[in-house]
C-alpha atoms as a PDB file:
ATOM      1  CA  MET A   1      93.100  99.530  63.686  1.00  0.00           C
ATOM      2  CA  ASN A   2      96.335 100.325  65.537  1.00  0.00           C
ATOM      3  CA  ASN A   3      97.554  97.556  67.814  1.00  0.00           C
ATOM      4  CA  PRO A   4      98.188  98.939  71.317  1.00  0.00           C
ATOM      5  CA  LYS A   5     101.381  98.196  73.205  1.00  0.00           C
ATOM      6  CA  ILE A   6     100.658  95.503  75.796  1.00  0.00           C
ATOM      7  CA  VAL A   7     103.855  95.557  77.902  1.00  0.00           C
ATOM      8  CA  ILE A   8     105.162  99.093  78.431  1.00  0.00           C
ATOM      9  CA  THR A   9     108.714  99.518  79.745  1.00  0.00           C
ATOM     10  CA  LYS A  10     110.504 102.601  81.079  1.00  0.00           C
ATOM     11  CA  GLN A  11     111.856 103.153  77.547  1.00  0.00           C
ATOM     12  CA  ASP A  12     108.351 103.348  76.049  1.00  0.00           C
ATOM     13  CA  GLY A  13     107.305 106.856  77.053  1.00  0.00           C
ATOM     14  CA  ILE A  14     105.002 108.558  74.542  1.00  0.00           C
ATOM     15  CA  ASP A  15     105.709 112.103  75.730  1.00  0.00           C
ATOM     16  CA  GLN A  16     108.303 113.822  77.890  1.00  0.00           C
ATOM     17  CA  LEU A  17     108.651 117.323  79.274  1.00  0.00           C
ATOM     18  CA  VAL A  18     110.444 119.410  81.878  1.00  0.00           C
ATOM     19  CA  ASP A  19     108.773 121.922  84.189  1.00  0.00           C
ATOM     20  CA  PRO A  20     110.141 124.047  87.060  1.00  0.00           C
ATOM     21  CA  VAL A  21     109.857 121.156  89.533  1.00  0.00           C
ATOM     22  CA  GLY A  22     111.079 118.150  87.548  1.00  0.00           C
ATOM     23  CA  GLU A  23     110.757 115.919  84.518  1.00  0.00           C
ATOM     24  CA  GLY A  24     107.645 114.002  83.465  1.00  0.00           C
ATOM     25  CA  VAL A  25     107.404 110.915  81.260  1.00  0.00           C
ATOM     26  CA  LEU A  26     103.959 109.897  80.001  1.00  0.00           C
ATOM     27  CA  TYR A  27     103.193 106.224  79.270  1.00  0.00           C
ATOM     28  CA  LEU A  28      99.403 106.186  78.812  1.00  0.00           C
ATOM     29  CA  GLU A  29      96.927 108.940  77.936  1.00  0.00           C
ATOM     30  CA  PRO A  30      93.636 109.093  79.881  1.00  0.00           C
ATOM     31  CA  THR A  31      90.678 107.287  78.309  1.00  0.00           C
ATOM     32  CA  GLY A  32      86.898 107.048  78.565  1.00  0.00           C
ATOM     33  CA  ILE A  33      84.240 109.310  80.021  1.00  0.00           C
ATOM     34  CA  HIS A  34      85.919 109.173  83.433  1.00  0.00           C
ATOM     35  CA  GLN A  35      89.373 110.053  82.036  1.00  0.00           C
ATOM     36  CA  ILE A  36      91.050 107.108  83.771  1.00  0.00           C
ATOM     37  CA  ASN A  37      94.374 105.307  83.461  1.00  0.00           C
ATOM     38  CA  GLU A  38      96.686 108.202  82.700  1.00  0.00           C
ATOM     39  CA  VAL A  39     100.084 106.843  83.784  1.00  0.00           C
ATOM     40  CA  SER A  40     103.307 108.827  84.059  1.00  0.00           C
ATOM     41  CA  ASP A  41     106.541 109.016  86.028  1.00  0.00           C
ATOM     42  CA  PHE A  42     107.669 112.254  87.646  1.00  0.00           C
ATOM     43  CA  ILE A  43     111.393 112.631  88.369  1.00  0.00           C
ATOM     44  CA  THR A  44     112.436 115.425  90.720  1.00  0.00           C
ATOM     45  CA  HIS A  45     115.435 117.205  92.258  1.00  0.00           C
ATOM     46  CA  LYS A  46     116.382 117.490  95.919  1.00  0.00           C
ATOM     47  CA  ASP A  47     114.610 120.310  97.801  1.00  0.00           C
ATOM     48  CA  ASP A  48     112.235 121.092  94.932  1.00  0.00           C
ATOM     49  CA  LYS A  49     108.751 121.910  96.207  1.00  0.00           C
ATOM     50  CA  VAL A  50     105.160 121.766  95.029  1.00  0.00           C
ATOM     51  CA  LYS A  51     103.075 124.565  96.563  1.00  0.00           C
ATOM     52  CA  TYR A  52     100.157 123.837  98.876  1.00  0.00           C
ATOM     53  CA  HIS A  53      97.136 123.571  96.597  1.00  0.00           C
ATOM     54  CA  ILE A  54      93.818 121.851  95.885  1.00  0.00           C
ATOM     55  CA  HIS A  55      92.016 120.534  92.797  1.00  0.00           C
ATOM     56  CA  ASP A  56      88.254 120.881  92.546  1.00  0.00           C
ATOM     57  CA  HIS A  57      87.994 117.639  90.555  1.00  0.00           C
ATOM     58  CA  GLY A  58      89.988 114.512  89.812  1.00  0.00           C
ATOM     59  CA  TYR A  59      91.805 111.839  91.806  1.00  0.00           C
ATOM     60  CA  GLU A  60      95.593 111.599  91.938  1.00  0.00           C
ATOM     61  CA  LEU A  61      97.293 108.381  93.012  1.00  0.00           C
ATOM     62  CA  PHE A  62     101.044 108.631  93.637  1.00  0.00           C
ATOM     63  CA  VAL A  63     103.211 105.533  94.112  1.00  0.00           C
ATOM     64  CA  MET A  64     106.755 106.100  95.337  1.00  0.00           C
ATOM     65  CA  THR A  65     109.172 103.994  93.268  1.00  0.00           C
ATOM     66  CA  LYS A  66     112.504 105.681  94.116  1.00  0.00           C
ATOM     67  CA  GLY A  67     113.754 108.114  96.749  1.00  0.00           C
ATOM     68  CA  SER A  68     111.568 109.887  99.302  1.00  0.00           C
ATOM     69  CA  VAL A  69     109.402 112.968  99.679  1.00  0.00           C
ATOM     70  CA  GLU A  70     107.886 115.030 102.473  1.00  0.00           C
ATOM     71  CA  ALA A  71     104.146 114.946 101.854  1.00  0.00           C
ATOM     72  CA  ILE A  72     101.601 117.302 103.358  1.00  0.00           C
ATOM     73  CA  LEU A  73      98.003 116.094 102.976  1.00  0.00           C
ATOM     74  CA  GLY A  74      95.188 117.904 104.707  1.00  0.00           C
ATOM     75  CA  GLY A  75      97.604 119.945 106.834  1.00  0.00           C
ATOM     76  CA  LYS A  76      99.519 116.904 108.191  1.00  0.00           C
ATOM     77  CA  ARG A  77     103.091 116.058 107.218  1.00  0.00           C
ATOM     78  CA  CYS A  78     104.970 112.767 106.896  1.00  0.00           C
ATOM     79  CA  VAL A  79     107.751 111.198 104.833  1.00  0.00           C
ATOM     80  CA  ALA A  80     106.771 108.931 101.939  1.00  0.00           C
ATOM     81  CA  ASN A  81     109.223 106.178 100.981  1.00  0.00           C
ATOM     82  CA  VAL A  82     109.464 103.554  98.239  1.00  0.00           C
ATOM     83  CA  GLY A  83     106.281 101.482  98.048  1.00  0.00           C
ATOM     84  CA  ASP A  84     104.063 104.032  99.790  1.00  0.00           C
ATOM     85  CA  MET A  85     100.936 105.326  98.050  1.00  0.00           C
ATOM     86  CA  MET A  86      98.992 108.568  98.305  1.00  0.00           C
ATOM     87  CA  LEU A  87      95.430 108.935  97.046  1.00  0.00           C
ATOM     88  CA  ILE A  88      94.504 112.600  96.765  1.00  0.00           C
ATOM     89  CA  LYS A  89      90.807 113.309  96.391  1.00  0.00           C
ATOM     90  CA  PRO A  90      89.192 116.556  95.189  1.00  0.00           C
ATOM     91  CA  TYR A  91      89.576 119.448  97.629  1.00  0.00           C
ATOM     92  CA  THR A  92      92.329 117.720  99.625  1.00  0.00           C
ATOM     93  CA  PRO A  93      95.037 120.373 100.222  1.00  0.00           C
ATOM     94  CA  HIS A  94      98.483 118.943  99.467  1.00  0.00           C
ATOM     95  CA  ALA A  95     102.102 119.975  99.014  1.00  0.00           C
ATOM     96  CA  PHE A  96     105.442 118.195  98.579  1.00  0.00           C
ATOM     97  CA  ARG A  97     109.162 118.669  99.172  1.00  0.00           C
ATOM     98  CA  TYR A  98     111.502 116.186  97.514  1.00  0.00           C
ATOM     99  CA  ARG A  99     114.281 114.881  99.743  1.00  0.00           C
ATOM    100  CA  GLU A 100     116.607 113.291  97.176  1.00  0.00           C
ATOM    101  CA  ASP A 101     117.812 113.867  93.627  1.00  0.00           C
ATOM    102  CA  GLY A 102     116.187 111.467  91.228  1.00  0.00           C
ATOM    103  CA  THR A 103     113.143 110.798  93.395  1.00  0.00           C
ATOM    104  CA  VAL A 104     110.514 109.094  91.207  1.00  0.00           C
ATOM    105  CA  TRP A 105     106.855 108.611  91.757  1.00  0.00           C
ATOM    106  CA  GLN A 106     104.391 107.026  89.436  1.00  0.00           C
ATOM    107  CA  GLU A 107     101.246 109.051  88.884  1.00  0.00           C
ATOM    108  CA  LEU A 108      97.916 107.403  88.054  1.00  0.00           C
ATOM    109  CA  ILE A 109      95.212 109.926  87.353  1.00  0.00           C
ATOM    110  CA  GLN A 110      91.413 109.716  87.244  1.00  0.00           C
ATOM    111  CA  GLN A 111      88.979 112.405  86.047  1.00  0.00           C
ATOM    112  CA  LEU A 112      91.848 114.839  85.538  1.00  0.00           C
ATOM    113  CA  SER A 113      94.377 115.212  82.708  1.00  0.00           C
ATOM    114  CA  LEU A 114      97.409 116.067  84.811  1.00  0.00           C
ATOM    115  CA  PHE A 115      99.953 115.630  82.032  1.00  0.00           C
ATOM    116  CA  GLU A 116      98.055 118.028  79.792  1.00  0.00           C
ATOM    117  CA  ASN A 117      98.405 120.601  82.593  1.00  0.00           C
ATOM    118  CA  GLU A 118     102.162 119.931  82.544  1.00  0.00           C
ATOM    119  CA  ARG A 119     102.176 120.482  78.786  1.00  0.00           C
ATOM    120  CA  SER A 120     100.566 123.883  79.365  1.00  0.00           C
ATOM    121  CA  ILE A 121     103.322 124.837  81.831  1.00  0.00           C
ATOM    122  CA  ALA A 122     105.931 123.738  79.269  1.00  0.00           C
ATOM    123  CA  ARG A 123     104.341 126.002  76.643  1.00  0.00           C
ATOM    124  CA  ILE A 124     104.391 128.920  79.095  1.00  0.00           C
ATOM    125  CA  LEU A 125     108.091 128.269  79.799  1.00  0.00           C
ATOM    126  CA  ILE A 126     108.853 128.359  76.065  1.00  0.00           C
ATOM    127  CA  ASN A 127     106.519 131.097  74.833  1.00  0.00           C
ATOM    128  CA  CYS A 128     106.082 133.507  77.757  1.00  0.00           C
ATOM    129  CA  PRO A 129     108.340 132.551  80.710  1.00  0.00           C
ATOM    130  CA  ASP A 130     107.865 135.939  82.360  1.00  0.00           C
ATOM    131  CA  LYS A 131     104.213 135.023  82.958  1.00  0.00           C
ATOM    132  CA  LEU A 132     105.290 132.466  85.571  1.00  0.00           C
ATOM    133  CA  ASP A 133     106.019 135.425  87.871  1.00  0.00           C
ATOM    134  CA  ASP A 134     102.722 137.165  87.101  1.00  0.00           C
ATOM    135  CA  PRO A 135     100.324 136.308  89.973  1.00  0.00           C
ATOM    136  CA  GLU A 136      97.154 137.254  88.099  1.00  0.00           C
ATOM    137  CA  PHE A 137      98.158 135.265  84.997  1.00  0.00           C
ATOM    138  CA  MET A 138      98.999 132.182  87.059  1.00  0.00           C
ATOM    139  CA  ARG A 139      95.778 132.489  89.057  1.00  0.00           C
ATOM    140  CA  LEU A 140      93.766 132.402  85.834  1.00  0.00           C
ATOM    141  CA  TYR A 141      95.852 129.509  84.495  1.00  0.00           C
ATOM    142  CA  GLN A 142      95.261 127.465  87.642  1.00  0.00           C
ATOM    143  CA  SER A 143      91.543 128.260  87.858  1.00  0.00           C
ATOM    144  CA  ARG A 144      91.156 127.028  84.271  1.00  0.00           C
ATOM    145  CA  ASP A 145      92.311 123.599  85.464  1.00  0.00           C
ATOM    146  CA  GLY A 146      90.429 123.657  88.769  1.00  0.00           C
ATOM    147  CA  ARG A 147      93.542 124.287  90.879  1.00  0.00           C
ATOM    148  CA  ILE A 148      93.955 126.850  93.641  1.00  0.00           C
ATOM    149  CA  ASP A 149      97.353 127.509  95.252  1.00  0.00           C
ATOM    150  CA  TYR A 150      97.882 128.598  98.861  1.00  0.00           C
ATOM    151  CA  PRO A 151     101.592 129.562  98.927  1.00  0.00           C
ATOM    152  CA  GLU A 152     101.140 131.806 101.974  1.00  0.00           C
ATOM    153  CA  ILE A 153     100.363 128.829 104.252  1.00  0.00           C
ATOM    154  CA  PRO A 154     103.714 127.598 105.712  1.00  0.00           C
ATOM    155  CA  VAL A 155     102.807 123.893 105.751  1.00  0.00           C
ATOM    156  CA  MET A 156     106.422 122.739 105.445  1.00  0.00           C
ATOM    157  CA  ASP A 157     106.929 123.799 109.076  1.00  0.00           C
ATOM    158  CA  THR A 158     104.206 121.552 110.508  1.00  0.00           C
ATOM    159  CA  ASP A 159     105.261 118.681 112.775  1.00  0.00           C
ATOM    160  CA  LEU A 160     105.843 115.225 111.345  1.00  0.00           C
ATOM    161  CA  VAL A 161     103.099 112.730 112.270  1.00  0.00           C
ATOM    162  CA  ASN A 162     102.386 109.053 111.828  1.00  0.00           C
ATOM    163  CA  PRO A 163     101.588 108.497 108.114  1.00  0.00           C
ATOM    164  CA  ALA A 164      98.347 106.744 109.102  1.00  0.00           C
ATOM    165  CA  GLU A 165      97.014 110.165 110.177  1.00  0.00           C
ATOM    166  CA  LEU A 166      97.209 111.576 106.636  1.00  0.00           C
ATOM    167  CA  PRO A 167      94.067 111.271 104.485  1.00  0.00           C
ATOM    168  CA  GLY A 168      94.609 108.839 101.618  1.00  0.00           C
ATOM    169  CA  PHE A 169      98.115 107.795 102.705  1.00  0.00           C
ATOM    170  CA  MET A 170      98.903 104.074 102.446  1.00  0.00           C
ATOM    171  CA  CYS A 171     102.242 102.746 103.678  1.00  0.00           C
ATOM    172  CA  LYS A 172     103.740  99.892 101.674  1.00  0.00           C
ATOM    173  CA  GLU A 173     102.702  97.292 104.266  1.00  0.00           C
ATOM    174  CA  ASP A 174      99.223  98.729 104.876  1.00  0.00           C
ATOM    175  CA  TYR A 175      95.959  97.758 103.239  1.00  0.00           C
ATOM    176  CA  TYR A 176      92.206  97.972 103.658  1.00  0.00           C
ATOM    177  CA  LYS A 177      91.502  94.226 103.631  1.00  0.00           C
ATOM    178  CA  GLN A 178      93.274  91.037 102.574  1.00  0.00           C
ATOM    179  CA  PHE A 179      91.999  87.742 101.180  1.00  0.00           C
ATOM    180  CA  CYS A 180      93.908  84.543 100.432  1.00  0.00           C
ATOM    181  CA  ILE A 181      93.076  81.954  97.787  1.00  0.00           C
ATOM    182  CA  PRO A 182      95.351  79.056  96.818  1.00  0.00           C
ATOM    183  CA  GLY A 183      98.559  80.507  95.385  1.00  0.00           C
ATOM    184  CA  ILE A 184      97.506  84.173  95.482  1.00  0.00           C
ATOM    185  CA  THR A 185      97.314  86.757  98.268  1.00  0.00           C
ATOM    186  CA  CYS A 186      94.751  89.398  97.248  1.00  0.00           C
ATOM    187  CA  THR A 187      95.237  92.727  99.035  1.00  0.00           C
ATOM    188  CA  LEU A 188      92.763  95.572  98.632  1.00  0.00           C
ATOM    189  CA  LYS A 189      94.678  98.864  98.841  1.00  0.00           C
ATOM    190  CA  TYR A 190      91.870 101.316  98.018  1.00  0.00           C
ATOM    191  CA  PRO A 191      88.182 100.307  97.928  1.00  0.00           C
ATOM    192  CA  ARG A 192      85.703 101.592  95.378  1.00  0.00           C
ATOM    193  CA  TRP A 193      84.169 104.221  97.633  1.00  0.00           C
ATOM    194  CA  GLU A 194      87.546 105.985  97.843  1.00  0.00           C
ATOM    195  CA  LEU A 195      87.590 106.430  94.036  1.00  0.00           C
ATOM    196  CA  ASP A 196      84.176 107.904  93.281  1.00  0.00           C
ATOM    197  CA  GLY A 197      82.722 104.404  92.813  1.00  0.00           C
ATOM    198  CA  ILE A 198      84.610 103.903  89.555  1.00  0.00           C
ATOM    199  CA  LYS A 199      87.199 101.218  90.394  1.00  0.00           C
ATOM    200  CA  GLU A 200      89.223  99.418  93.068  1.00  0.00           C
ATOM    201  CA  ILE A 201      92.998  99.192  93.489  1.00  0.00           C
ATOM    202  CA  TRP A 202      94.500  95.816  94.422  1.00  0.00           C
ATOM    203  CA  GLU A 203      97.839  94.164  95.048  1.00  0.00           C
ATOM    204  CA  PHE A 204      98.280  90.500  94.116  1.00  0.00           C
ATOM    205  CA  ALA A 205     101.194  88.343  95.278  1.00  0.00           C
ATOM    206  CA  ALA A 206     101.391  85.049  93.375  1.00  0.00           C
ATOM    207  CA  GLU A 207     103.375  81.860  93.688  1.00  0.00           C
ATOM    208  CA  GLU A 208     105.410  80.587  90.744  1.00  0.00           C
ATOM    209  CA  GLY A 209     103.304  78.925  88.068  1.00  0.00           C
ATOM    210  CA  VAL A 210      99.941  80.324  89.140  1.00  0.00           C
ATOM    211  CA  SER A 211      98.018  81.348  86.031  1.00  0.00           C
ATOM    212  CA  VAL A 212      94.858  83.474  85.775  1.00  0.00           C
ATOM    213  CA  ASN A 213      92.747  83.476  82.617  1.00  0.00           C
ATOM    214  CA  TRP A 214      90.393  86.358  81.763  1.00  0.00           C
ATOM    215  CA  GLY A 215      88.443  84.192  79.321  1.00  0.00           C
ATOM    216  CA  ASN A 216      85.421  86.457  78.915  1.00  0.00           C
ATOM    217  CA  GLN A 217      85.653  89.580  76.798  1.00  0.00           C
ATOM    218  CA  TYR A 218      85.139  92.501  79.163  1.00  0.00           C
ATOM    219  CA  HIS A 219      83.941  96.073  78.665  1.00  0.00           C
ATOM    220  CA  ASP A 220      86.954  97.695  80.335  1.00  0.00           C
ATOM    221  CA  SER A 221      90.700  97.595  79.846  1.00  0.00           C
ATOM    222  CA  GLU A 222      93.093  96.111  82.405  1.00  0.00           C
ATOM    223  CA  LEU A 223      96.003  98.044  83.888  1.00  0.00           C
ATOM    224  CA  PHE A 224      98.684  96.291  85.937  1.00  0.00           C
ATOM    225  CA  VAL A 225     102.181  97.226  87.077  1.00  0.00           C
ATOM    226  CA  VAL A 226     104.661  94.501  87.979  1.00  0.00           C
ATOM    227  CA  ARG A 227     106.299  95.491  91.265  1.00  0.00           C
ATOM    228  CA  LYS A 228     108.352  92.372  91.874  1.00  0.00           C
ATOM    229  CA  GLY A 229     109.256  89.277  89.868  1.00  0.00           C
ATOM    230  CA  SER A 230     108.011  88.603  86.338  1.00  0.00           C
ATOM    231  CA  VAL A 231     104.960  87.305  84.487  1.00  0.00           C
ATOM    232  CA  LYS A 232     104.098  85.766  81.143  1.00  0.00           C
ATOM    233  CA  VAL A 233     101.401  87.760  79.350  1.00  0.00           C
ATOM    234  CA  GLU A 234      99.256  86.067  76.709  1.00  0.00           C
ATOM    235  CA  VAL A 235      96.739  88.323  74.952  1.00  0.00           C
ATOM    236  CA  GLN A 236      94.237  87.487  72.236  1.00  0.00           C
ATOM    237  CA  GLY A 237      95.739  88.486  68.869  1.00  0.00           C
ATOM    238  CA  PHE A 238      99.288  89.061  70.197  1.00  0.00           C
ATOM    239  CA  GLU A 239     102.426  86.982  70.587  1.00  0.00           C
ATOM    240  CA  PRO A 240     103.214  85.966  74.207  1.00  0.00           C
ATOM    241  CA  LEU A 241     105.231  88.552  76.142  1.00  0.00           C
ATOM    242  CA  THR A 242     107.168  88.716  79.417  1.00  0.00           C
ATOM    243  CA  ALA A 243     106.776  91.635  81.829  1.00  0.00           C
ATOM    244  CA  TYR A 244     109.379  92.395  84.501  1.00  0.00           C
ATOM    245  CA  ALA A 245     109.527  94.595  87.606  1.00  0.00           C
ATOM    246  CA  GLU A 246     108.169  98.132  86.973  1.00  0.00           C
ATOM    247  CA  ASP A 247     106.755  97.210  83.552  1.00  0.00           C
ATOM    248  CA  ILE A 248     103.179  98.324  82.848  1.00  0.00           C
ATOM    249  CA  ILE A 249     100.698  95.798  81.431  1.00  0.00           C
ATOM    250  CA  HIS A 250      97.843  97.412  79.501  1.00  0.00           C
ATOM    251  CA  ILE A 251      95.182  95.052  78.140  1.00  0.00           C
ATOM    252  CA  PRO A 252      92.590  96.578  75.754  1.00  0.00           C
ATOM    253  CA  ASN A 253      88.904  95.968  76.377  1.00  0.00           C
ATOM    254  CA  TYR A 254      87.046  93.074  74.728  1.00  0.00           C
ATOM    255  CA  THR A 255      90.284  91.058  74.619  1.00  0.00           C
ATOM    256  CA  THR A 256      90.823  87.744  76.420  1.00  0.00           C
ATOM    257  CA  HIS A 257      94.140  87.301  78.187  1.00  0.00           C
ATOM    258  CA  ARG A 258      96.121  85.173  80.612  1.00  0.00           C
ATOM    259  CA  ILE A 259      98.817  86.195  83.106  1.00  0.00           C
ATOM    260  CA  THR A 260     101.144  83.575  84.605  1.00  0.00           C
ATOM    261  CA  SER A 261     103.561  84.184  87.478  1.00  0.00           C
ATOM    262  CA  LEU A 262     107.104  83.138  86.503  1.00  0.00           C
ATOM    263  CA  GLU A 263     108.628  83.570  89.975  1.00  0.00           C
ATOM    264  CA  SER A 264     107.504  82.892  93.503  1.00  0.00           C
ATOM    265  CA  GLY A 265     106.592  86.126  95.268  1.00  0.00           C
ATOM    266  CA  THR A 266     105.714  87.993  92.092  1.00  0.00           C
ATOM    267  CA  VAL A 267     103.700  91.125  92.954  1.00  0.00           C
ATOM    268  CA  LEU A 268     101.269  92.964  90.663  1.00  0.00           C
ATOM    269  CA  HIS A 269      99.327  96.139  91.295  1.00  0.00           C
ATOM    270  CA  ASP A 270      95.926  96.254  89.590  1.00  0.00           C
ATOM    271  CA  PHE A 271      95.014  99.895  88.999  1.00  0.00           C
ATOM    272  CA  ASN A 272      91.794  99.417  87.050  1.00  0.00           C
ATOM    273  CA  CYS A 273      89.651  96.769  88.731  1.00  0.00           C
ATOM    274  CA  ARG A 274      86.236  97.883  87.486  1.00  0.00           C
ATOM    275  CA  HIS A 275      84.170  94.878  88.620  1.00  0.00           C
ATOM    276  CA  ASN A 276      83.340  94.615  92.323  1.00  0.00           C
ATOM    277  CA  LEU A 277      86.068  92.196  93.366  1.00  0.00           C
ATOM    278  CA  PHE A 278      85.845  93.284  97.004  1.00  0.00           C
ATOM    279  CA  LEU A 279      82.244  92.148  97.450  1.00  0.00           C
ATOM    280  CA  LEU A 280      82.973  88.990  95.456  1.00  0.00           C
ATOM    281  CA  MET A 281      85.834  88.102  97.810  1.00  0.00           C
ATOM    282  CA  GLU A 282      83.724  89.014 100.839  1.00  0.00           C
ATOM    283  CA  GLU A 283      81.002  86.580  99.798  1.00  0.00           C
ATOM    284  CA  LEU A 284      83.499  83.851  98.929  1.00  0.00           C
ATOM    285  CA  SER A 285      85.348  84.140 102.244  1.00  0.00           C
ATOM    286  CA  ILE A 286      82.095  84.020 104.239  1.00  0.00           C
ATOM    287  CA  ASN A 287      80.853  80.946 102.394  1.00  0.00           C
ATOM    288  CA  LYS A 288      84.227  79.200 102.769  1.00  0.00           C
ATOM    289  CA  ARG A 289      83.794  79.598 106.503  1.00  0.00           C
ATOM    290  CA  GLU A 290      80.029  79.181 106.947  1.00  0.00           C
ATOM    291  CA  ASN A 291      78.855  77.030 104.033  1.00  0.00           C
ATOM    292  CA  PRO A 292      81.796  75.249 102.342  1.00  0.00           C
ATOM    293  CA  GLY A 293      79.564  72.565 100.851  1.00  0.00           C
ATOM    294  CA  ILE A 294      78.250  74.921  98.158  1.00  0.00           C
ATOM    295  CA  LEU A 295      81.699  75.742  96.762  1.00  0.00           C
ATOM    296  CA  ASN A 296      81.394  73.881  93.462  1.00  0.00           C
ATOM    297  CA  GLY A 297      81.647  74.814  89.791  1.00  0.00           C
ATOM    298  CA  ASP A 298      78.054  76.036  89.546  1.00  0.00           C
ATOM    299  CA  TYR A 299      78.528  78.284  92.594  1.00  0.00           C
ATOM    300  CA  PHE A 300      81.740  79.836  91.192  1.00  0.00           C
ATOM    301  CA  LYS A 301      80.126  80.377  87.803  1.00  0.00           C
ATOM    302  CA  ASP A 302      77.183  82.174  89.398  1.00  0.00           C
ATOM    303  CA  LEU A 303      79.442  84.175  91.729  1.00  0.00           C
ATOM    304  CA  LEU A 304      81.589  85.500  88.888  1.00  0.00           C
ATOM    305  CA  ARG A 305      78.527  86.291  86.761  1.00  0.00           C
ATOM    306  CA  ARG A 306      76.804  88.250  89.526  1.00  0.00           C
ATOM    307  CA  PHE A 307      79.860  90.457  90.055  1.00  0.00           C
ATOM    308  CA  ASP A 308      80.682  90.835  86.319  1.00  0.00           C
ATOM    309  CA  CYS A 309      84.102  89.253  86.834  1.00  0.00           C
ATOM    310  CA  PRO A 310      85.693  88.186  83.505  1.00  0.00           C
ATOM    311  CA  ILE A 311      88.013  85.577  85.100  1.00  0.00           C
ATOM    312  CA  THR A 312      87.190  82.040  83.948  1.00  0.00           C
ATOM    313  CA  GLU A 313      90.141  79.984  85.202  1.00  0.00           C
ATOM    314  CA  ILE A 314      92.859  79.896  87.842  1.00  0.00           C
ATOM    315  CA  SER A 315      95.360  77.091  87.286  1.00  0.00           C
ATOM    316  CA  TYR A 316      98.400  75.897  89.187  1.00  0.00           C
ATOM    317  CA  PRO A 317     101.567  73.883  88.497  1.00  0.00           C
ATOM    318  CA  ALA A 318     101.185  70.170  87.775  1.00  0.00           C
ATOM    319  CA  GLY A 319      99.516  68.339  90.615  1.00  0.00           C
ATOM    320  CA  GLY A 320      98.073  71.436  92.248  1.00  0.00           C
ATOM    321  CA  PHE A 321      94.518  72.672  92.719  1.00  0.00           C
ATOM    322  CA  SER A 322      92.836  74.276  89.699  1.00  0.00           C
ATOM    323  CA  PHE A 323      89.568  76.122  89.126  1.00  0.00           C
ATOM    324  CA  SER A 324      87.804  76.561  85.803  1.00  0.00           C
ATOM    325  CA  ILE A 325      84.320  77.391  84.540  1.00  0.00           C
END
C-alpha cells in the first residue's frame, strides 16, 4: 500500500498545466462517491477573464491567497481580496476578472472534477487549438462537463456592491457562527446545508501548545490548510511532521492523529468536517449556559459519540485545563 503524503507544500504539486486564463497546480485528486477534496492553486495574469457561466452540478470553493479579483456571482459584482472565500453552488452564474499579475486562489472542489476539465482544455490547445474559436465545438465541450457560457451578458459593467450581497461570498472576517472553548476559537464559515449536506467548513484559531487528538479511527479523511503559524502533526504510522503557513494537511481515513499548535494565533481551515460539529457545538454551548453541572467526562463521551466526532482529547500546556475521554 502506498503511503500518502501527509503535509503537502507548494512544491508538492502532482500535476501542472497552462490554459488560456492562467496556470493550475494540482495537489490532491478528488476522492469518494461525492468527488470531494480536489485541491489546486490557480495563478492568473492581470486583466484575464473567465466568461459568465454556470455548472449544472458541483460545488466550487475559492479562497484568495494572493492578489485580488473582480467576482461576479449571481449578477452582482465585488472585489475579492486575500482571505476572502467564494462558495459557488450549481446553477450560480459567475465570472471573474483578475486585477493583478500573479493572483492566486486555492480551489477546493466537490462533486466536480475541475482539474480534469482543465486537462481537457490543455489537450485541445495542443492537439486542435483552432477548435477554441469554433463556437459549436466549444458548446459541445462545455455541455459534456455541465457548463454553459453566457459571453453575451456584459456582467463586467455592473455596479460594485457590498460583498455581503453576493451569494456564497464570505469576507475574511465574516462567518456563520462562532464558538469558543479553552484555547481554541471555532468559527463556522460554511454550514452543512450550503454544501449539499456533505460536510462543513471551519476555521480554528489556537493558542500555543493546544493539542487535539483524533484518537478514534474515522471513516473519512481530514483536510486542513494552515493559514497562519505552524503545527506539529503526528499521524499513526508516520514520523512527526511540522506544517507551516499555506501547507496542506491530508490525513487518510481510519488513521489516528494529533495536531498541536506551535505558535499563539495559529489558524487552520478545516475543509472536510464530515461529522456534525455545528450541532455538537450548539448543544455544548447551550448546556454550558443552562446546565453546567452535567459537563463531566460521561457527558462529553456521550456528546462526541452521538455526533460521530473522532476527537478523544484536547490538552493544554502544563498547568492548564485538559479534556480526555
